[in-house]
PDB file of N, CA and C in Angstrom:
ATOM      1  N   MET A   1       0.851  -1.176   0.000  1.00  0.00           N
ATOM      2  CA  MET A   1       0.000   0.000   0.000  1.00  0.00           C
ATOM      3  C   MET A   1       0.897   1.240   0.000  1.00  0.00           C
ATOM      4  N   ASN A   2       0.510   2.225  -0.757  1.00  0.00           N
ATOM      5  CA  ASN A   2       1.283   3.452  -0.893  1.00  0.00           C
ATOM      6  C   ASN A   2       0.926   4.430   0.231  1.00  0.00           C
ATOM      7  N   VAL A   3       1.894   4.763   1.067  1.00  0.00           N
ATOM      8  CA  VAL A   3       1.653   5.658   2.203  1.00  0.00           C
ATOM      9  C   VAL A   3       1.255   7.054   1.730  1.00  0.00           C
ATOM     10  N   GLU A   4       1.778   7.489   0.590  1.00  0.00           N
ATOM     11  CA  GLU A   4       1.429   8.829   0.087  1.00  0.00           C
ATOM     12  C   GLU A   4      -0.048   8.900  -0.312  1.00  0.00           C
ATOM     13  N   LEU A   5      -0.580   7.828  -0.877  1.00  0.00           N
ATOM     14  CA  LEU A   5      -2.007   7.774  -1.209  1.00  0.00           C
ATOM     15  C   LEU A   5      -2.854   7.893   0.053  1.00  0.00           C
ATOM     16  N   ILE A   6      -2.463   7.178   1.099  1.00  0.00           N
ATOM     17  CA  ILE A   6      -3.199   7.228   2.362  1.00  0.00           C
ATOM     18  C   ILE A   6      -3.123   8.642   2.951  1.00  0.00           C
ATOM     19  N   LYS A   7      -1.941   9.232   2.944  1.00  0.00           N
ATOM     20  CA  LYS A   7      -1.775  10.589   3.486  1.00  0.00           C
ATOM     21  C   LYS A   7      -2.599  11.603   2.708  1.00  0.00           C
ATOM     22  N   ARG A   8      -2.627  11.485   1.379  1.00  0.00           N
ATOM     23  CA  ARG A   8      -3.444  12.405   0.564  1.00  0.00           C
ATOM     24  C   ARG A   8      -4.929  12.229   0.860  1.00  0.00           C
ATOM     25  N   THR A   9      -5.351  10.988   1.021  1.00  0.00           N
ATOM     26  CA  THR A   9      -6.766  10.706   1.293  1.00  0.00           C
ATOM     27  C   THR A   9      -7.190  11.285   2.642  1.00  0.00           C
ATOM     28  N   LEU A  10      -6.296  11.224   3.630  1.00  0.00           N
ATOM     29  CA  LEU A  10      -6.627  11.702   4.978  1.00  0.00           C
ATOM     30  C   LEU A  10      -6.230  13.161   5.224  1.00  0.00           C
ATOM     31  N   ALA A  11      -5.543  13.782   4.276  1.00  0.00           N
ATOM     32  CA  ALA A  11      -5.044  15.157   4.459  1.00  0.00           C
ATOM     33  C   ALA A  11      -6.120  16.161   4.882  1.00  0.00           C
ATOM     34  N   PRO A  12      -7.330  16.115   4.332  1.00  0.00           N
ATOM     35  CA  PRO A  12      -8.333  17.105   4.749  1.00  0.00           C
ATOM     36  C   PRO A  12      -8.707  17.021   6.226  1.00  0.00           C
ATOM     37  N   TYR A  13      -8.390  15.912   6.861  1.00  0.00           N
ATOM     38  CA  TYR A  13      -8.776  15.695   8.260  1.00  0.00           C
ATOM     39  C   TYR A  13      -7.588  15.767   9.220  1.00  0.00           C
ATOM     40  N   GLY A  14      -6.412  16.048   8.711  1.00  0.00           N
ATOM     41  CA  GLY A  14      -5.187  15.982   9.478  1.00  0.00           C
ATOM     42  C   GLY A  14      -5.089  16.941  10.650  1.00  0.00           C
ATOM     43  N   GLU A  15      -5.773  18.063  10.580  1.00  0.00           N
ATOM     44  CA  GLU A  15      -5.690  19.057  11.653  1.00  0.00           C
ATOM     45  C   GLU A  15      -6.814  18.931  12.678  1.00  0.00           C
ATOM     46  N   LEU A  16      -7.755  18.020  12.433  1.00  0.00           N
ATOM     47  CA  LEU A  16      -8.869  17.858  13.372  1.00  0.00           C
ATOM     48  C   LEU A  16      -8.388  17.326  14.705  1.00  0.00           C
ATOM     49  N   ARG A  17      -9.050  17.729  15.741  1.00  0.00           N
ATOM     50  CA  ARG A  17      -8.787  17.211  17.086  1.00  0.00           C
ATOM     51  C   ARG A  17     -10.076  16.543  17.548  1.00  0.00           C
ATOM     52  N   LEU A  18     -10.142  15.239  17.348  1.00  0.00           N
ATOM     53  CA  LEU A  18     -11.309  14.452  17.734  1.00  0.00           C
ATOM     54  C   LEU A  18     -10.909  13.533  18.873  1.00  0.00           C
ATOM     55  N   SER A  19     -11.890  12.861  19.447  1.00  0.00           N
ATOM     56  CA  SER A  19     -11.540  11.835  20.418  1.00  0.00           C
ATOM     57  C   SER A  19     -10.773  10.750  19.667  1.00  0.00           C
ATOM     58  N   ALA A  20      -9.975   9.994  20.390  1.00  0.00           N
ATOM     59  CA  ALA A  20      -9.188   8.936  19.756  1.00  0.00           C
ATOM     60  C   ALA A  20     -10.095   7.925  19.051  1.00  0.00           C
ATOM     61  N   LEU A  21     -11.220   7.594  19.681  1.00  0.00           N
ATOM     62  CA  LEU A  21     -12.159   6.661  19.052  1.00  0.00           C
ATOM     63  C   LEU A  21     -12.773   7.270  17.795  1.00  0.00           C
ATOM     64  N   ASP A  22     -13.094   8.563  17.826  1.00  0.00           N
ATOM     65  CA  ASP A  22     -13.622   9.219  16.621  1.00  0.00           C
ATOM     66  C   ASP A  22     -12.571   9.269  15.521  1.00  0.00           C
ATOM     67  N   ASN A  23     -11.299   9.461  15.883  1.00  0.00           N
ATOM     68  CA  ASN A  23     -10.234   9.396  14.875  1.00  0.00           C
ATOM     69  C   ASN A  23     -10.220   8.023  14.209  1.00  0.00           C
ATOM     70  N   LEU A  24     -10.333   6.985  15.019  1.00  0.00           N
ATOM     71  CA  LEU A  24     -10.368   5.620  14.503  1.00  0.00           C
ATOM     72  C   LEU A  24     -11.536   5.449  13.538  1.00  0.00           C
ATOM     73  N   ARG A  25     -12.688   5.901  13.961  1.00  0.00           N
ATOM     74  CA  ARG A  25     -13.910   5.807  13.149  1.00  0.00           C
ATOM     75  C   ARG A  25     -13.773   6.613  11.855  1.00  0.00           C
ATOM     76  N   LEU A  26     -13.227   7.816  11.972  1.00  0.00           N
ATOM     77  CA  LEU A  26     -13.041   8.691  10.800  1.00  0.00           C
ATOM     78  C   LEU A  26     -12.115   8.041   9.780  1.00  0.00           C
ATOM     79  N   ILE A  27     -10.960   7.585  10.236  1.00  0.00           N
ATOM     80  CA  ILE A  27      -9.981   7.010   9.318  1.00  0.00           C
ATOM     81  C   ILE A  27     -10.533   5.756   8.646  1.00  0.00           C
ATOM     82  N   ALA A  28     -11.136   4.876   9.429  1.00  0.00           N
ATOM     83  CA  ALA A  28     -11.708   3.651   8.859  1.00  0.00           C
ATOM     84  C   ALA A  28     -12.790   3.983   7.833  1.00  0.00           C
ATOM     85  N   SER A  29     -13.616   4.969   8.128  1.00  0.00           N
ATOM     86  CA  SER A  29     -14.719   5.333   7.232  1.00  0.00           C
ATOM     87  C   SER A  29     -14.221   5.979   5.948  1.00  0.00           C
ATOM     88  N   VAL A  30     -13.309   6.933   6.075  1.00  0.00           N
ATOM     89  CA  VAL A  30     -12.791   7.641   4.894  1.00  0.00           C
ATOM     90  C   VAL A  30     -12.057   6.664   3.977  1.00  0.00           C
ATOM     91  N   LEU A  31     -11.248   5.801   4.552  1.00  0.00           N
ATOM     92  CA  LEU A  31     -10.518   4.852   3.724  1.00  0.00           C
ATOM     93  C   LEU A  31     -11.434   3.797   3.122  1.00  0.00           C
ATOM     94  N   ALA A  32     -12.477   3.402   3.838  1.00  0.00           N
ATOM     95  CA  ALA A  32     -13.444   2.440   3.282  1.00  0.00           C
ATOM     96  C   ALA A  32     -14.139   3.019   2.057  1.00  0.00           C
ATOM     97  N   GLN A  33     -14.400   4.328   2.065  1.00  0.00           N
ATOM     98  CA  GLN A  33     -15.025   4.964   0.903  1.00  0.00           C
ATOM     99  C   GLN A  33     -14.120   4.919  -0.321  1.00  0.00           C
ATOM    100  N   SER A  34     -12.816   4.785  -0.085  1.00  0.00           N
ATOM    101  CA  SER A  34     -11.847   4.660  -1.180  1.00  0.00           C
ATOM    102  C   SER A  34     -11.467   3.203  -1.426  1.00  0.00           C
ATOM    103  N   ASP A  35     -12.269   2.290  -0.886  1.00  0.00           N
ATOM    104  CA  ASP A  35     -12.036   0.844  -1.022  1.00  0.00           C
ATOM    105  C   ASP A  35     -10.673   0.416  -0.502  1.00  0.00           C
ATOM    106  N   ILE A  36     -10.243   1.041   0.585  1.00  0.00           N
ATOM    107  CA  ILE A  36      -8.990   0.665   1.234  1.00  0.00           C
ATOM    108  C   ILE A  36      -9.349  -0.061   2.527  1.00  0.00           C
ATOM    109  N   ARG A  37      -8.879  -1.286   2.645  1.00  0.00           N
ATOM    110  CA  ARG A  37      -9.200  -2.125   3.805  1.00  0.00           C
ATOM    111  C   ARG A  37      -8.259  -1.817   4.959  1.00  0.00           C
ATOM    112  N   VAL A  38      -8.829  -1.661   6.134  1.00  0.00           N
ATOM    113  CA  VAL A  38      -8.034  -1.356   7.328  1.00  0.00           C
ATOM    114  C   VAL A  38      -8.364  -2.361   8.432  1.00  0.00           C
ATOM    115  N   GLU A  39      -7.452  -2.448   9.389  1.00  0.00           N
ATOM    116  CA  GLU A  39      -7.720  -3.176  10.618  1.00  0.00           C
ATOM    117  C   GLU A  39      -7.572  -2.182  11.757  1.00  0.00           C
ATOM    118  N   THR A  40      -8.416  -2.316  12.774  1.00  0.00           N
ATOM    119  CA  THR A  40      -8.423  -1.359  13.880  1.00  0.00           C
ATOM    120  C   THR A  40      -8.216  -2.100  15.196  1.00  0.00           C
ATOM    121  N   PHE A  41      -7.393  -1.488  16.062  1.00  0.00           N
ATOM    122  CA  PHE A  41      -7.002  -2.133  17.322  1.00  0.00           C
ATOM    123  C   PHE A  41      -6.995  -1.133  18.465  1.00  0.00           C
ATOM    124  N   ILE A  42      -7.042  -1.677  19.667  1.00  0.00           N
ATOM    125  CA  ILE A  42      -6.702  -0.932  20.870  1.00  0.00           C
ATOM    126  C   ILE A  42      -5.614  -1.755  21.559  1.00  0.00           C
ATOM    127  N   ALA A  43      -4.514  -1.079  21.895  1.00  0.00           N
ATOM    128  CA  ALA A  43      -3.383  -1.784  22.501  1.00  0.00           C
ATOM    129  C   ALA A  43      -2.316  -0.791  22.906  1.00  0.00           C
ATOM    130  N   CYS A  44      -1.385  -1.273  23.691  1.00  0.00           N
ATOM    131  CA  CYS A  44      -0.158  -0.523  23.980  1.00  0.00           C
ATOM    132  C   CYS A  44       0.898  -0.992  22.990  1.00  0.00           C
ATOM    133  N   ALA A  45       1.693  -0.068  22.499  1.00  0.00           N
ATOM    134  CA  ALA A  45       2.823  -0.456  21.655  1.00  0.00           C
ATOM    135  C   ALA A  45       3.930  -0.957  22.558  1.00  0.00           C
ATOM    136  N   SER A  46       4.746  -1.866  22.044  1.00  0.00           N
ATOM    137  CA  SER A  46       5.845  -2.367  22.870  1.00  0.00           C
ATOM    138  C   SER A  46       6.756  -1.201  23.234  1.00  0.00           C
ATOM    139  N   GLY A  47       7.173  -1.179  24.495  1.00  0.00           N
ATOM    140  CA  GLY A  47       8.001  -0.083  24.980  1.00  0.00           C
ATOM    141  C   GLY A  47       7.199   1.117  25.459  1.00  0.00           C
ATOM    142  N   GLN A  48       5.893   1.089  25.294  1.00  0.00           N
ATOM    143  CA  GLN A  48       5.019   2.190  25.713  1.00  0.00           C
ATOM    144  C   GLN A  48       4.421   1.854  27.066  1.00  0.00           C
ATOM    145  N   SER A  49       4.324   2.848  27.914  1.00  0.00           N
ATOM    146  CA  SER A  49       3.642   2.643  29.190  1.00  0.00           C
ATOM    147  C   SER A  49       2.415   3.538  29.227  1.00  0.00           C
ATOM    148  N   GLY A  50       1.568   3.314  30.191  1.00  0.00           N
ATOM    149  CA  GLY A  50       0.374   4.146  30.320  1.00  0.00           C
ATOM    150  C   GLY A  50      -0.834   3.547  29.638  1.00  0.00           C
ATOM    151  N   ARG A  51      -1.753   4.406  29.268  1.00  0.00           N
ATOM    152  CA  ARG A  51      -3.033   3.994  28.700  1.00  0.00           C
ATOM    153  C   ARG A  51      -2.851   3.393  27.308  1.00  0.00           C
ATOM    154  N   PRO A  52      -3.709   2.443  26.948  1.00  0.00           N
ATOM    155  CA  PRO A  52      -3.657   1.905  25.584  1.00  0.00           C
ATOM    156  C   PRO A  52      -4.079   2.969  24.563  1.00  0.00           C
ATOM    157  N   ARG A  53      -3.739   2.730  23.327  1.00  0.00           N
ATOM    158  CA  ARG A  53      -4.025   3.666  22.244  1.00  0.00           C
ATOM    159  C   ARG A  53      -4.845   2.948  21.173  1.00  0.00           C
ATOM    160  N   TYR A  54      -5.568   3.727  20.390  1.00  0.00           N
ATOM    161  CA  TYR A  54      -6.268   3.189  19.230  1.00  0.00           C
ATOM    162  C   TYR A  54      -5.320   3.251  18.038  1.00  0.00           C
ATOM    163  N   TRP A  55      -5.320   2.179  17.240  1.00  0.00           N
ATOM    164  CA  TRP A  55      -4.427   2.044  16.097  1.00  0.00           C
ATOM    165  C   TRP A  55      -5.192   1.634  14.859  1.00  0.00           C
ATOM    166  N   VAL A  56      -4.747   2.126  13.702  1.00  0.00           N
ATOM    167  CA  VAL A  56      -5.249   1.676  12.409  1.00  0.00           C
ATOM    168  C   VAL A  56      -4.069   1.092  11.651  1.00  0.00           C
ATOM    169  N   GLN A  57      -4.278  -0.077  11.080  1.00  0.00           N
ATOM    170  CA  GLN A  57      -3.243  -0.691  10.258  1.00  0.00           C
ATOM    171  C   GLN A  57      -3.775  -0.859   8.844  1.00  0.00           C
ATOM    172  N   ILE A  58      -2.997  -0.379   7.878  1.00  0.00           N
ATOM    173  CA  ILE A  58      -3.292  -0.571   6.461  1.00  0.00           C
ATOM    174  C   ILE A  58      -2.052  -1.234   5.876  1.00  0.00           C
ATOM    175  N   ALA A  59      -2.112  -2.531   5.676  1.00  0.00           N
ATOM    176  CA  ALA A  59      -0.940  -3.302   5.238  1.00  0.00           C
ATOM    177  C   ALA A  59       0.204  -3.040   6.213  1.00  0.00           C
ATOM    178  N   ASP A  60       1.290  -2.402   5.767  1.00  0.00           N
ATOM    179  CA  ASP A  60       2.421  -2.135   6.657  1.00  0.00           C
ATOM    180  C   ASP A  60       2.448  -0.689   7.146  1.00  0.00           C
ATOM    181  N   ILE A  61       1.350   0.031   6.997  1.00  0.00           N
ATOM    182  CA  ILE A  61       1.235   1.421   7.440  1.00  0.00           C
ATOM    183  C   ILE A  61       0.457   1.442   8.753  1.00  0.00           C
ATOM    184  N   TRP A  62       0.979   2.169   9.733  1.00  0.00           N
ATOM    185  CA  TRP A  62       0.337   2.272  11.041  1.00  0.00           C
ATOM    186  C   TRP A  62      -0.020   3.718  11.330  1.00  0.00           C
ATOM    187  N   ILE A  63      -1.230   3.935  11.865  1.00  0.00           N
ATOM    188  CA  ILE A  63      -1.676   5.262  12.276  1.00  0.00           C
ATOM    189  C   ILE A  63      -2.079   5.200  13.740  1.00  0.00           C
ATOM    190  N   ASP A  64      -1.496   6.094  14.517  1.00  0.00           N
ATOM    191  CA  ASP A  64      -1.807   6.214  15.946  1.00  0.00           C
ATOM    192  C   ASP A  64      -2.948   7.224  16.070  1.00  0.00           C
ATOM    193  N   CYS A  65      -4.078   6.778  16.609  1.00  0.00           N
ATOM    194  CA  CYS A  65      -5.258   7.648  16.737  1.00  0.00           C
ATOM    195  C   CYS A  65      -5.339   8.347  18.089  1.00  0.00           C
ATOM    196  N   GLY A  66      -4.479   7.970  19.037  1.00  0.00           N
ATOM    197  CA  GLY A  66      -4.464   8.613  20.341  1.00  0.00           C
ATOM    198  C   GLY A  66      -4.781   7.645  21.474  1.00  0.00           C
ATOM    199  N   ARG A  67      -4.548   8.125  22.710  1.00  0.00           N
ATOM    200  CA  ARG A  67      -4.864   7.332  23.911  1.00  0.00           C
ATOM    201  C   ARG A  67      -6.362   7.063  23.977  1.00  0.00           C
ATOM    202  N   ASP A  68      -6.719   5.963  24.588  1.00  0.00           N
ATOM    203  CA  ASP A  68      -8.129   5.565  24.631  1.00  0.00           C
ATOM    204  C   ASP A  68      -9.008   6.559  25.367  1.00  0.00           C
ATOM    205  N   ASN A  69      -8.445   7.402  26.236  1.00  0.00           N
ATOM    206  CA  ASN A  69      -9.266   8.381  26.963  1.00  0.00           C
ATOM    207  C   ASN A  69      -9.025   9.810  26.485  1.00  0.00           C
ATOM    208  N   ASP A  70      -8.374   9.964  25.349  1.00  0.00           N
ATOM    209  CA  ASP A  70      -8.081  11.296  24.808  1.00  0.00           C
ATOM    210  C   ASP A  70      -9.293  11.810  24.033  1.00  0.00           C
ATOM    211  N   TYR A  71      -9.746  13.000  24.391  1.00  0.00           N
ATOM    212  CA  TYR A  71     -10.923  13.543  23.705  1.00  0.00           C
ATOM    213  C   TYR A  71     -10.549  14.606  22.682  1.00  0.00           C
ATOM    214  N   ARG A  72      -9.286  14.965  22.577  1.00  0.00           N
ATOM    215  CA  ARG A  72      -8.820  15.938  21.575  1.00  0.00           C
ATOM    216  C   ARG A  72      -7.505  15.469  20.980  1.00  0.00           C
ATOM    217  N   ALA A  73      -7.526  14.332  20.347  1.00  0.00           N
ATOM    218  CA  ALA A  73      -6.312  13.739  19.787  1.00  0.00           C
ATOM    219  C   ALA A  73      -6.166  14.097  18.320  1.00  0.00           C
ATOM    220  N   GLN A  74      -4.938  14.096  17.880  1.00  0.00           N
ATOM    221  CA  GLN A  74      -4.646  14.265  16.462  1.00  0.00           C
ATOM    222  C   GLN A  74      -3.958  12.989  16.001  1.00  0.00           C
ATOM    223  N   PHE A  75      -4.441  12.381  14.933  1.00  0.00           N
ATOM    224  CA  PHE A  75      -3.837  11.132  14.487  1.00  0.00           C
ATOM    225  C   PHE A  75      -2.472  11.402  13.853  1.00  0.00           C
ATOM    226  N   SER A  76      -1.618  10.388  13.908  1.00  0.00           N
ATOM    227  CA  SER A  76      -0.284  10.546  13.321  1.00  0.00           C
ATOM    228  C   SER A  76       0.177   9.235  12.696  1.00  0.00           C
ATOM    229  N   PHE A  77       0.914   9.359  11.609  1.00  0.00           N
ATOM    230  CA  PHE A  77       1.478   8.210  10.921  1.00  0.00           C
ATOM    231  C   PHE A  77       2.758   7.796  11.634  1.00  0.00           C
ATOM    232  N   MET A  78       2.923   6.517  11.804  1.00  0.00           N
ATOM    233  CA  MET A  78       4.120   5.988  12.448  1.00  0.00           C
ATOM    234  C   MET A  78       5.158   5.697  11.360  1.00  0.00           C
ATOM    235  N   LEU A  79       6.385   6.114  11.610  1.00  0.00           N
ATOM    236  CA  LEU A  79       7.445   5.946  10.622  1.00  0.00           C
ATOM    237  C   LEU A  79       8.041   4.541  10.635  1.00  0.00           C
ATOM    238  N   GLU A  80       7.909   3.861  11.753  1.00  0.00           N
ATOM    239  CA  GLU A  80       8.444   2.507  11.913  1.00  0.00           C
ATOM    240  C   GLU A  80       7.285   1.527  12.115  1.00  0.00           C
ATOM    241  N   PRO A  81       7.479   0.272  11.780  1.00  0.00           N
ATOM    242  CA  PRO A  81       6.440  -0.729  12.089  1.00  0.00           C
ATOM    243  C   PRO A  81       6.171  -0.758  13.596  1.00  0.00           C
ATOM    244  N   VAL A  82       4.938  -1.039  13.964  1.00  0.00           N
ATOM    245  CA  VAL A  82       4.528  -1.023  15.364  1.00  0.00           C
ATOM    246  C   VAL A  82       4.300  -2.454  15.837  1.00  0.00           C
ATOM    247  N   SER A  83       4.795  -2.755  17.020  1.00  0.00           N
ATOM    248  CA  SER A  83       4.556  -4.052  17.655  1.00  0.00           C
ATOM    249  C   SER A  83       3.599  -3.814  18.825  1.00  0.00           C
ATOM    250  N   LEU A  84       2.414  -4.401  18.765  1.00  0.00           N
ATOM    251  CA  LEU A  84       1.394  -4.169  19.780  1.00  0.00           C
ATOM    252  C   LEU A  84       1.382  -5.279  20.822  1.00  0.00           C
ATOM    253  N   LEU A  85       1.134  -4.884  22.060  1.00  0.00           N
ATOM    254  CA  LEU A  85       1.015  -5.828  23.163  1.00  0.00           C
ATOM    255  C   LEU A  85      -0.449  -5.981  23.544  1.00  0.00           C
ATOM    256  N   ASP A  86      -0.911  -7.199  23.690  1.00  0.00           N
ATOM    257  CA  ASP A  86      -2.302  -7.472  24.092  1.00  0.00           C
ATOM    258  C   ASP A  86      -3.309  -6.731  23.209  1.00  0.00           C
ATOM    259  N   ALA A  87      -3.095  -6.773  21.919  1.00  0.00           N
ATOM    260  CA  ALA A  87      -3.977  -6.068  20.983  1.00  0.00           C
ATOM    261  C   ALA A  87      -5.350  -6.713  20.929  1.00  0.00           C
ATOM    262  N   GLN A  88      -6.367  -5.868  20.919  1.00  0.00           N
ATOM    263  CA  GLN A  88      -7.742  -6.320  20.739  1.00  0.00           C
ATOM    264  C   GLN A  88      -8.296  -5.625  19.506  1.00  0.00           C
ATOM    265  N   CYS A  89      -8.907  -6.403  18.637  1.00  0.00           N
ATOM    266  CA  CYS A  89      -9.541  -5.807  17.464  1.00  0.00           C
ATOM    267  C   CYS A  89     -10.718  -4.951  17.915  1.00  0.00           C
ATOM    268  N   VAL A  90     -10.893  -3.830  17.248  1.00  0.00           N
ATOM    269  CA  VAL A  90     -12.008  -2.928  17.541  1.00  0.00           C
ATOM    270  C   VAL A  90     -12.858  -2.846  16.277  1.00  0.00           C
ATOM    271  N   GLN A  91     -14.128  -3.139  16.425  1.00  0.00           N
ATOM    272  CA  GLN A  91     -15.035  -2.998  15.289  1.00  0.00           C
ATOM    273  C   GLN A  91     -15.733  -1.657  15.410  1.00  0.00           C
ATOM    274  N   VAL A  92     -15.634  -0.852  14.361  1.00  0.00           N
ATOM    275  CA  VAL A  92     -16.276   0.462  14.369  1.00  0.00           C
ATOM    276  C   VAL A  92     -17.339   0.501  13.280  1.00  0.00           C
ATOM    277  N   ALA A  93     -18.396   1.212  13.572  1.00  0.00           N
ATOM    278  CA  ALA A  93     -19.428   1.431  12.563  1.00  0.00           C
ATOM    279  C   ALA A  93     -18.892   2.448  11.568  1.00  0.00           C
ATOM    280  N   LEU A  94     -18.923   2.088  10.298  1.00  0.00           N
ATOM    281  CA  LEU A  94     -18.428   3.005   9.274  1.00  0.00           C
ATOM    282  C   LEU A  94     -19.448   4.108   9.028  1.00  0.00           C
ATOM    283  N   LEU A  95     -18.945   5.319   8.864  1.00  0.00           N
ATOM    284  CA  LEU A  95     -19.793   6.482   8.650  1.00  0.00           C
ATOM    285  C   LEU A  95     -19.841   6.824   7.172  1.00  0.00           C
ATOM    286  N   ASP A  96     -21.003   7.293   6.710  1.00  0.00           N
ATOM    287  CA  ASP A  96     -21.069   7.785   5.338  1.00  0.00           C
ATOM    288  C   ASP A  96     -20.538   9.224   5.316  1.00  0.00           C
ATOM    289  N   GLU A  97     -20.413   9.791   4.138  1.00  0.00           N
ATOM    290  CA  GLU A  97     -19.803  11.129   4.014  1.00  0.00           C
ATOM    291  C   GLU A  97     -20.602  12.208   4.751  1.00  0.00           C
ATOM    292  N   HIS A  98     -21.901  12.055   4.868  1.00  0.00           N
ATOM    293  CA  HIS A  98     -22.709  13.052   5.585  1.00  0.00           C
ATOM    294  C   HIS A  98     -22.435  13.005   7.091  1.00  0.00           C
ATOM    295  N   ARG A  99     -22.305  11.807   7.623  1.00  0.00           N
ATOM    296  CA  ARG A  99     -22.003  11.682   9.061  1.00  0.00           C
ATOM    297  C   ARG A  99     -20.573  12.117   9.367  1.00  0.00           C
ATOM    298  N   ILE A 100     -19.668  11.886   8.433  1.00  0.00           N
ATOM    299  CA  ILE A 100     -18.300  12.375   8.611  1.00  0.00           C
ATOM    300  C   ILE A 100     -18.311  13.908   8.656  1.00  0.00           C
ATOM    301  N   ALA A 101     -19.043  14.518   7.746  1.00  0.00           N
ATOM    302  CA  ALA A 101     -19.136  15.986   7.727  1.00  0.00           C
ATOM    303  C   ALA A 101     -19.754  16.507   9.020  1.00  0.00           C
ATOM    304  N   LEU A 102     -20.774  15.830   9.516  1.00  0.00           N
ATOM    305  CA  LEU A 102     -21.408  16.245  10.772  1.00  0.00           C
ATOM    306  C   LEU A 102     -20.423  16.134  11.938  1.00  0.00           C
ATOM    307  N   MET A 103     -19.660  15.048  11.992  1.00  0.00           N
ATOM    308  CA  MET A 103     -18.677  14.879  13.055  1.00  0.00           C
ATOM    309  C   MET A 103     -17.623  15.989  13.001  1.00  0.00           C
ATOM    310  N   CYS A 104     -17.179  16.342  11.809  1.00  0.00           N
ATOM    311  CA  CYS A 104     -16.192  17.417  11.657  1.00  0.00           C
ATOM    312  C   CYS A 104     -16.796  18.769  12.048  1.00  0.00           C
ATOM    313  N   MET A 105     -18.032  18.990  11.679  1.00  0.00           N
ATOM    314  CA  MET A 105     -18.709  20.244  12.019  1.00  0.00           C
ATOM    315  C   MET A 105     -18.893  20.349  13.531  1.00  0.00           C
ATOM    316  N   GLN A 106     -19.272  19.270  14.181  1.00  0.00           N
ATOM    317  CA  GLN A 106     -19.424  19.288  15.632  1.00  0.00           C
ATOM    318  C   GLN A 106     -18.098  19.573  16.309  1.00  0.00           C
ATOM    319  N   SER A 107     -17.030  18.993  15.791  1.00  0.00           N
ATOM    320  CA  SER A 107     -15.704  19.229  16.355  1.00  0.00           C
ATOM    321  C   SER A 107     -15.327  20.699  16.226  1.00  0.00           C
ATOM    322  N   ALA A 108     -15.578  21.286  15.071  1.00  0.00           N
ATOM    323  CA  ALA A 108     -15.266  22.702  14.860  1.00  0.00           C
ATOM    324  C   ALA A 108     -16.099  23.570  15.799  1.00  0.00           C
ATOM    325  N   HIS A 109     -17.353  23.215  16.020  1.00  0.00           N
ATOM    326  CA  HIS A 109     -18.221  23.989  16.907  1.00  0.00           C
ATOM    327  C   HIS A 109     -17.693  23.959  18.337  1.00  0.00           C
ATOM    328  N   PHE A 110     -17.330  22.763  18.820  1.00  0.00           N
ATOM    329  CA  PHE A 110     -16.861  22.666  20.200  1.00  0.00           C
ATOM    330  C   PHE A 110     -15.508  23.347  20.376  1.00  0.00           C
ATOM    331  N   ASP A 111     -14.647  23.299  19.351  1.00  0.00           N
ATOM    332  CA  ASP A 111     -13.381  24.037  19.425  1.00  0.00           C
ATOM    333  C   ASP A 111     -13.663  25.528  19.528  1.00  0.00           C
ATOM    334  N   HIS A 112     -14.651  25.997  18.795  1.00  0.00           N
ATOM    335  CA  HIS A 112     -15.032  27.405  18.833  1.00  0.00           C
ATOM    336  C   HIS A 112     -15.561  27.763  20.228  1.00  0.00           C
ATOM    337  N   CYS A 113     -16.387  26.903  20.798  1.00  0.00           N
ATOM    338  CA  CYS A 113     -16.944  27.167  22.130  1.00  0.00           C
ATOM    339  C   CYS A 113     -15.834  27.231  23.168  1.00  0.00           C
ATOM    340  N   GLU A 114     -14.853  26.347  23.076  1.00  0.00           N
ATOM    341  CA  GLU A 114     -13.731  26.380  24.019  1.00  0.00           C
ATOM    342  C   GLU A 114     -12.964  27.677  23.889  1.00  0.00           C
ATOM    343  N   SER A 115     -12.719  28.116  22.656  1.00  0.00           N
ATOM    344  CA  SER A 115     -11.995  29.364  22.439  1.00  0.00           C
ATOM    345  C   SER A 115     -12.791  30.535  22.989  1.00  0.00           C
ATOM    346  N   TYR A 116     -14.090  30.517  22.776  1.00  0.00           N
ATOM    347  CA  TYR A 116     -14.942  31.605  23.247  1.00  0.00           C
ATOM    348  C   TYR A 116     -14.958  31.652  24.771  1.00  0.00           C
ATOM    349  N   GLN A 117     -15.053  30.493  25.414  1.00  0.00           N
ATOM    350  CA  GLN A 117     -15.053  30.467  26.878  1.00  0.00           C
ATOM    351  C   GLN A 117     -13.745  31.013  27.429  1.00  0.00           C
ATOM    352  N   GLY A 118     -12.635  30.664  26.807  1.00  0.00           N
ATOM    353  CA  GLY A 118     -11.336  31.177  27.238  1.00  0.00           C
ATOM    354  C   GLY A 118     -11.276  32.687  27.085  1.00  0.00           C
ATOM    355  N   PHE A 119     -11.830  33.179  25.987  1.00  0.00           N
ATOM    356  CA  PHE A 119     -11.863  34.619  25.738  1.00  0.00           C
ATOM    357  C   PHE A 119     -12.731  35.306  26.776  1.00  0.00           C
ATOM    358  N   SER A 120     -13.882  34.714  27.089  1.00  0.00           N
ATOM    359  CA  SER A 120     -14.797  35.294  28.095  1.00  0.00           C
ATOM    360  C   SER A 120     -14.123  35.377  29.451  1.00  0.00           C
ATOM    361  N   LYS A 121     -13.394  34.321  29.834  1.00  0.00           N
ATOM    362  CA  LYS A 121     -12.715  34.336  31.132  1.00  0.00           C
ATOM    363  C   LYS A 121     -11.626  35.394  31.172  1.00  0.00           C
ATOM    364  N   THR A 122     -10.962  35.603  30.048  1.00  0.00           N
ATOM    365  CA  THR A 122      -9.929  36.643  29.976  1.00  0.00           C
ATOM    366  C   THR A 122     -10.546  38.016  30.166  1.00  0.00           C
ATOM    367  N   ILE A 123     -11.684  38.262  29.544  1.00  0.00           N
ATOM    368  CA  ILE A 123     -12.376  39.548  29.657  1.00  0.00           C
ATOM    369  C   ILE A 123     -12.785  39.796  31.101  1.00  0.00           C
ATOM    370  N   GLU A 124     -13.290  38.737  31.766  1.00  0.00           N
ATOM    371  CA  GLU A 124     -13.733  38.889  33.148  1.00  0.00           C
ATOM    372  C   GLU A 124     -12.571  39.284  34.063  1.00  0.00           C
ATOM    373  N   LEU A 125     -11.370  38.825  33.752  1.00  0.00           N
ATOM    374  CA  LEU A 125     -10.214  39.124  34.583  1.00  0.00           C
ATOM    375  C   LEU A 125      -9.734  40.577  34.434  1.00  0.00           C
ATOM    376  N   ILE A 126     -10.035  41.172  33.316  1.00  0.00           N
ATOM    377  CA  ILE A 126      -9.546  42.531  33.037  1.00  0.00           C
ATOM    378  C   ILE A 126     -10.292  43.563  33.812  1.00  0.00           C
TER     379      ILE A 126
END
């Protein structure tokens, strides 16, 4: 599988900050629309401590979707092959393009609300 094709396909979503599970769902759904088969896992990578992470595997390409309790994660491509410990397959419901757009819109709205709340608190302090 060509990593550049995967990166181009996911590029429009690269700056989103979704929950780790939503990242998993987004990546699996977007790639499924392009007829790209993925496998999805929750596990710790070897040498990693702490909370398990959600992972997407496309042939020899690995994408880290974030810690299982992260609500504002950004997915990242792994440069080296990943060895997972106690991996469990995760089945996600694939989203159509309308639900993907809704998820992205909701994320943008909540990011805006967080920024606005921070701005409001700053004003109150002045």
